[in-house]
C-alpha cells in the first residue's frame, strides 16, 4: 500500500546553500546565451533562403520529372504485358 511504500523510502537529504556566482561569470553565460540565439536566428534565415531557392528549382523541374515517371511506368507496363502475353499466350 501507499503507507508501506512511504515507510520504506530513505530520509530526505538536506542540501547546502548554493554558492554565489560571480557577476562576470553570470554576464558571460547570458552573453553566450544571447549570442547563441542570435546565431541560431541567422542560420535559420540562411537555411530558409536556400530551401526556398531549392523549392523553386524543384517546382520548375516537376513537370519533366512527372513526364519521365509516367514514361517509365508505361514502359514497365508494356514490358510486363509482353512477358504476360509470351508466358500465358493471352492477348491483353
N, C-alpha and C. Protein backbone atom coordinates (compact mmCIF):
# COMPACT_ATOMS: atom_id res chain seq x y z
N UNK A 1 0.83 -1.19 0.00
CA UNK A 1 0.00 0.00 0.00
C UNK A 1 0.88 1.25 0.00
N UNK A 2 0.26 2.38 -0.10
CA UNK A 2 0.98 3.65 -0.18
C UNK A 2 1.72 3.95 1.12
N UNK A 3 1.11 3.62 2.24
CA UNK A 3 1.72 3.88 3.54
C UNK A 3 2.98 3.05 3.72
N UNK A 4 2.94 1.79 3.28
CA UNK A 4 4.13 0.93 3.38
C UNK A 4 5.24 1.43 2.46
N UNK A 5 4.88 1.90 1.26
CA UNK A 5 5.87 2.38 0.31
C UNK A 5 6.57 3.63 0.83
N UNK A 6 5.85 4.52 1.48
CA UNK A 6 6.47 5.73 2.01
C UNK A 6 7.33 5.41 3.23
N UNK A 7 7.00 4.38 3.97
CA UNK A 7 7.80 4.00 5.13
C UNK A 7 9.16 3.44 4.70
N UNK A 8 9.25 2.83 3.53
CA UNK A 8 10.50 2.25 3.04
C UNK A 8 11.42 3.27 2.37
N UNK A 9 10.93 4.47 2.11
CA UNK A 9 11.72 5.49 1.42
C UNK A 9 12.80 6.04 2.35
N UNK A 10 13.99 6.36 1.82
CA UNK A 10 15.05 6.91 2.67
C UNK A 10 14.70 8.32 3.13
N UNK A 11 15.38 8.75 4.16
CA UNK A 11 15.14 10.09 4.70
C UNK A 11 15.61 11.13 3.68
N UNK A 12 14.93 12.27 3.59
CA UNK A 12 15.34 13.29 2.62
C UNK A 12 16.73 13.83 2.94
N UNK A 13 17.47 14.16 1.90
CA UNK A 13 18.82 14.69 2.04
C UNK A 13 18.75 16.20 2.12
N UNK A 14 19.45 16.78 3.06
CA UNK A 14 19.48 18.24 3.15
C UNK A 14 20.66 18.74 2.33
N UNK A 15 20.41 19.68 1.47
CA UNK A 15 21.43 20.22 0.58
C UNK A 15 22.02 21.49 1.16
N UNK A 16 23.26 21.77 0.79
CA UNK A 16 23.90 23.00 1.23
C UNK A 16 23.33 24.17 0.43
N UNK A 17 23.51 25.35 0.97
CA UNK A 17 23.05 26.56 0.27
C UNK A 17 23.89 26.73 -1.01
N UNK A 18 23.27 27.18 -2.11
CA UNK A 18 24.03 27.35 -3.35
C UNK A 18 25.08 28.45 -3.21
N UNK A 19 26.17 28.29 -3.95
CA UNK A 19 27.23 29.29 -3.93
C UNK A 19 26.84 30.49 -4.78
N UNK A 20 27.34 31.64 -4.41
CA UNK A 20 27.09 32.84 -5.21
C UNK A 20 27.96 32.78 -6.46
N UNK A 21 27.35 33.05 -7.61
CA UNK A 21 28.07 33.03 -8.87
C UNK A 21 28.59 34.43 -9.15
N UNK A 22 29.82 34.51 -9.61
CA UNK A 22 30.45 35.79 -9.90
C UNK A 22 29.64 36.53 -10.96
N UNK A 23 29.49 37.85 -10.82
CA UNK A 23 28.79 38.62 -11.85
C UNK A 23 29.44 38.51 -13.22
N UNK A 24 30.76 38.36 -13.27
CA UNK A 24 31.46 38.21 -14.54
C UNK A 24 31.05 36.89 -15.21
N UNK A 25 30.99 35.82 -14.43
CA UNK A 25 30.58 34.52 -14.98
C UNK A 25 29.12 34.59 -15.42
N UNK A 26 28.29 35.20 -14.61
CA UNK A 26 26.87 35.34 -14.95
C UNK A 26 26.70 36.13 -16.24
N UNK A 27 27.46 37.22 -16.39
CA UNK A 27 27.38 38.03 -17.61
C UNK A 27 27.86 37.22 -18.81
N UNK A 28 28.92 36.44 -18.61
CA UNK A 28 29.42 35.59 -19.70
C UNK A 28 28.40 34.56 -20.13
N UNK A 29 27.72 33.97 -19.17
CA UNK A 29 26.70 32.97 -19.50
C UNK A 29 25.55 33.58 -20.30
N UNK A 30 25.06 34.73 -19.84
CA UNK A 30 23.96 35.36 -20.56
C UNK A 30 24.40 35.87 -21.93
N UNK A 31 25.65 36.35 -22.01
CA UNK A 31 26.17 36.78 -23.32
C UNK A 31 26.22 35.60 -24.28
N UNK A 32 26.70 34.45 -23.79
CA UNK A 32 26.76 33.26 -24.64
C UNK A 32 25.36 32.83 -25.06
N UNK A 33 24.41 32.91 -24.14
CA UNK A 33 23.03 32.54 -24.46
C UNK A 33 22.47 33.46 -25.54
N UNK A 34 22.64 34.75 -25.37
CA UNK A 34 22.11 35.72 -26.34
C UNK A 34 22.78 35.55 -27.70
N UNK A 35 24.12 35.38 -27.69
CA UNK A 35 24.83 35.18 -28.96
C UNK A 35 24.38 33.89 -29.64
N UNK A 36 24.13 32.85 -28.86
CA UNK A 36 23.66 31.59 -29.43
C UNK A 36 22.30 31.74 -30.08
N UNK A 37 21.41 32.47 -29.44
CA UNK A 37 20.08 32.71 -30.02
C UNK A 37 20.20 33.52 -31.30
N UNK A 38 21.06 34.54 -31.27
CA UNK A 38 21.24 35.36 -32.47
C UNK A 38 21.85 34.54 -33.61
N UNK A 39 22.84 33.71 -33.31
CA UNK A 39 23.47 32.87 -34.33
C UNK A 39 22.44 31.89 -34.90
N UNK A 40 21.62 31.30 -34.03
CA UNK A 40 20.58 30.38 -34.50
C UNK A 40 19.58 31.08 -35.41
N UNK A 41 19.19 32.30 -35.07
CA UNK A 41 18.26 33.04 -35.92
C UNK A 41 18.89 33.34 -37.27
N UNK A 42 20.18 33.70 -37.26
CA UNK A 42 20.89 33.96 -38.52
C UNK A 42 20.93 32.71 -39.39
N UNK A 43 21.30 31.57 -38.80
CA UNK A 43 21.40 30.32 -39.56
C UNK A 43 20.03 29.91 -40.08
N UNK A 44 18.98 30.14 -39.30
CA UNK A 44 17.63 29.81 -39.75
C UNK A 44 17.28 30.61 -41.00
N UNK A 45 17.60 31.91 -41.00
CA UNK A 45 17.32 32.74 -42.18
C UNK A 45 18.09 32.24 -43.40
N UNK A 46 19.36 31.89 -43.20
CA UNK A 46 20.19 31.42 -44.32
C UNK A 46 19.62 30.12 -44.88
N UNK A 47 19.32 29.18 -43.99
CA UNK A 47 18.79 27.89 -44.45
C UNK A 47 17.42 28.04 -45.10
N UNK A 48 16.60 28.93 -44.56
CA UNK A 48 15.27 29.16 -45.13
C UNK A 48 15.38 29.71 -46.55
N UNK A 49 16.29 30.66 -46.75
CA UNK A 49 16.50 31.25 -48.07
C UNK A 49 16.96 30.18 -49.06
N UNK A 50 17.90 29.34 -48.64
CA UNK A 50 18.40 28.28 -49.52
C UNK A 50 17.30 27.28 -49.86
N UNK A 51 16.48 26.92 -48.88
CA UNK A 51 15.39 25.98 -49.12
C UNK A 51 14.35 26.56 -50.08
N UNK A 52 14.08 27.85 -49.97
CA UNK A 52 13.14 28.48 -50.90
C UNK A 52 13.66 28.40 -52.33
N UNK A 53 14.97 28.62 -52.51
CA UNK A 53 15.56 28.51 -53.84
C UNK A 53 15.44 27.08 -54.36
N UNK A 54 15.73 26.11 -53.50
CA UNK A 54 15.62 24.70 -53.91
C UNK A 54 14.19 24.33 -54.28
N UNK A 55 13.22 24.83 -53.52
CA UNK A 55 11.81 24.55 -53.82
C UNK A 55 11.42 25.12 -55.18
N UNK A 56 11.90 26.33 -55.48
CA UNK A 56 11.60 26.93 -56.78
C UNK A 56 12.18 26.09 -57.91
N UNK A 57 13.42 25.63 -57.74
CA UNK A 57 14.06 24.79 -58.76
C UNK A 57 13.29 23.49 -58.93
N UNK A 58 12.92 22.86 -57.82
CA UNK A 58 12.17 21.60 -57.89
C UNK A 58 10.81 21.80 -58.55
N UNK A 59 10.18 22.94 -58.27
CA UNK A 59 8.87 23.22 -58.86
C UNK A 59 9.00 23.36 -60.38
N UNK A 60 10.09 23.98 -60.84
CA UNK A 60 10.30 24.12 -62.28
C UNK A 60 10.58 22.77 -62.93
N UNK A 61 11.25 21.87 -62.21
CA UNK A 61 11.62 20.57 -62.76
C UNK A 61 10.51 19.53 -62.61
N UNK A 62 9.49 19.83 -61.83
CA UNK A 62 8.45 18.84 -61.55
C UNK A 62 7.75 18.30 -62.79
N UNK A 63 7.32 19.13 -63.77
CA UNK A 63 6.64 18.57 -64.95
C UNK A 63 7.52 17.58 -65.72
N UNK A 64 8.80 17.88 -65.85
CA UNK A 64 9.70 16.97 -66.57
C UNK A 64 9.86 15.66 -65.80
N UNK A 65 9.96 15.75 -64.48
CA UNK A 65 10.10 14.53 -63.67
C UNK A 65 8.83 13.69 -63.74
N UNK A 66 7.66 14.36 -63.70
CA UNK A 66 6.39 13.64 -63.80
C UNK A 66 6.27 12.94 -65.14
N UNK A 67 6.65 13.62 -66.21
CA UNK A 67 6.59 13.02 -67.55
C UNK A 67 7.54 11.83 -67.64
N UNK A 68 8.73 11.96 -67.08
CA UNK A 68 9.69 10.84 -67.10
C UNK A 68 9.16 9.67 -66.28
N UNK A 69 8.54 9.96 -65.15
CA UNK A 69 7.98 8.90 -64.30
C UNK A 69 6.84 8.18 -65.02
N UNK A 70 5.97 8.95 -65.68
CA UNK A 70 4.86 8.34 -66.42
C UNK A 70 5.39 7.50 -67.58
N UNK A 71 6.41 7.99 -68.27
CA UNK A 71 7.00 7.23 -69.38
C UNK A 71 7.62 5.93 -68.86
N UNK A 72 8.28 5.99 -67.72
CA UNK A 72 8.88 4.80 -67.13
C UNK A 72 7.80 3.80 -66.72
N UNK A 73 6.71 4.29 -66.14
CA UNK A 73 5.61 3.41 -65.77
C UNK A 73 4.98 2.76 -67.00
N UNK A 74 4.81 3.54 -68.06
CA UNK A 74 4.24 2.99 -69.30
C UNK A 74 5.17 1.94 -69.89
N UNK A 75 6.49 2.19 -69.86
CA UNK A 75 7.46 1.22 -70.37
C UNK A 75 7.42 -0.07 -69.55
N UNK A 76 7.36 0.07 -68.23
CA UNK A 76 7.32 -1.11 -67.37
C UNK A 76 6.03 -1.91 -67.59
N UNK A 77 4.92 -1.20 -67.77
CA UNK A 77 3.65 -1.88 -68.01
C UNK A 77 3.68 -2.61 -69.35
N UNK A 78 4.23 -1.98 -70.38
CA UNK A 78 4.34 -2.63 -71.68
C UNK A 78 5.24 -3.86 -71.59
N UNK A 79 6.32 -3.74 -70.84
CA UNK A 79 7.23 -4.88 -70.67
C UNK A 79 6.54 -6.02 -69.93
N UNK A 80 5.79 -5.69 -68.89
CA UNK A 80 5.05 -6.70 -68.13
C UNK A 80 4.00 -7.36 -69.01
N UNK A 81 3.30 -6.56 -69.80
CA UNK A 81 2.29 -7.12 -70.69
C UNK A 81 2.92 -8.04 -71.73
N UNK A 82 4.08 -7.66 -72.24
CA UNK A 82 4.77 -8.50 -73.23
C UNK A 82 5.16 -9.84 -72.62
N UNK A 83 5.67 -9.81 -71.38
CA UNK A 83 6.04 -11.05 -70.70
C UNK A 83 4.79 -11.88 -70.45
N UNK A 84 3.71 -11.24 -70.02
CA UNK A 84 2.47 -11.95 -69.76
C UNK A 84 1.93 -12.61 -71.03
N UNK A 85 1.96 -11.87 -72.14
CA UNK A 85 1.49 -12.42 -73.42
C UNK A 85 2.32 -13.64 -73.80
N UNK A 86 3.63 -13.52 -73.63
CA UNK A 86 4.53 -14.60 -74.02
C UNK A 86 4.32 -15.83 -73.14
N UNK A 87 4.23 -15.64 -71.84
CA UNK A 87 4.13 -16.76 -70.91
C UNK A 87 2.76 -17.43 -70.95
N UNK A 88 1.71 -16.63 -71.03
CA UNK A 88 0.36 -17.18 -70.93
C UNK A 88 -0.30 -17.38 -72.28
N UNK A 89 0.25 -16.78 -73.28
CA UNK A 89 -0.37 -16.89 -74.59
C UNK A 89 -1.69 -16.15 -74.66
N UNK A 90 -1.81 -15.09 -73.87
CA UNK A 90 -3.05 -14.31 -73.82
C UNK A 90 -2.78 -12.93 -74.38
N UNK A 91 -3.76 -12.42 -75.14
CA UNK A 91 -3.63 -11.08 -75.69
C UNK A 91 -4.38 -10.11 -74.77
N UNK A 92 -3.72 -9.05 -74.40
CA UNK A 92 -4.34 -8.07 -73.50
C UNK A 92 -4.88 -6.91 -74.31
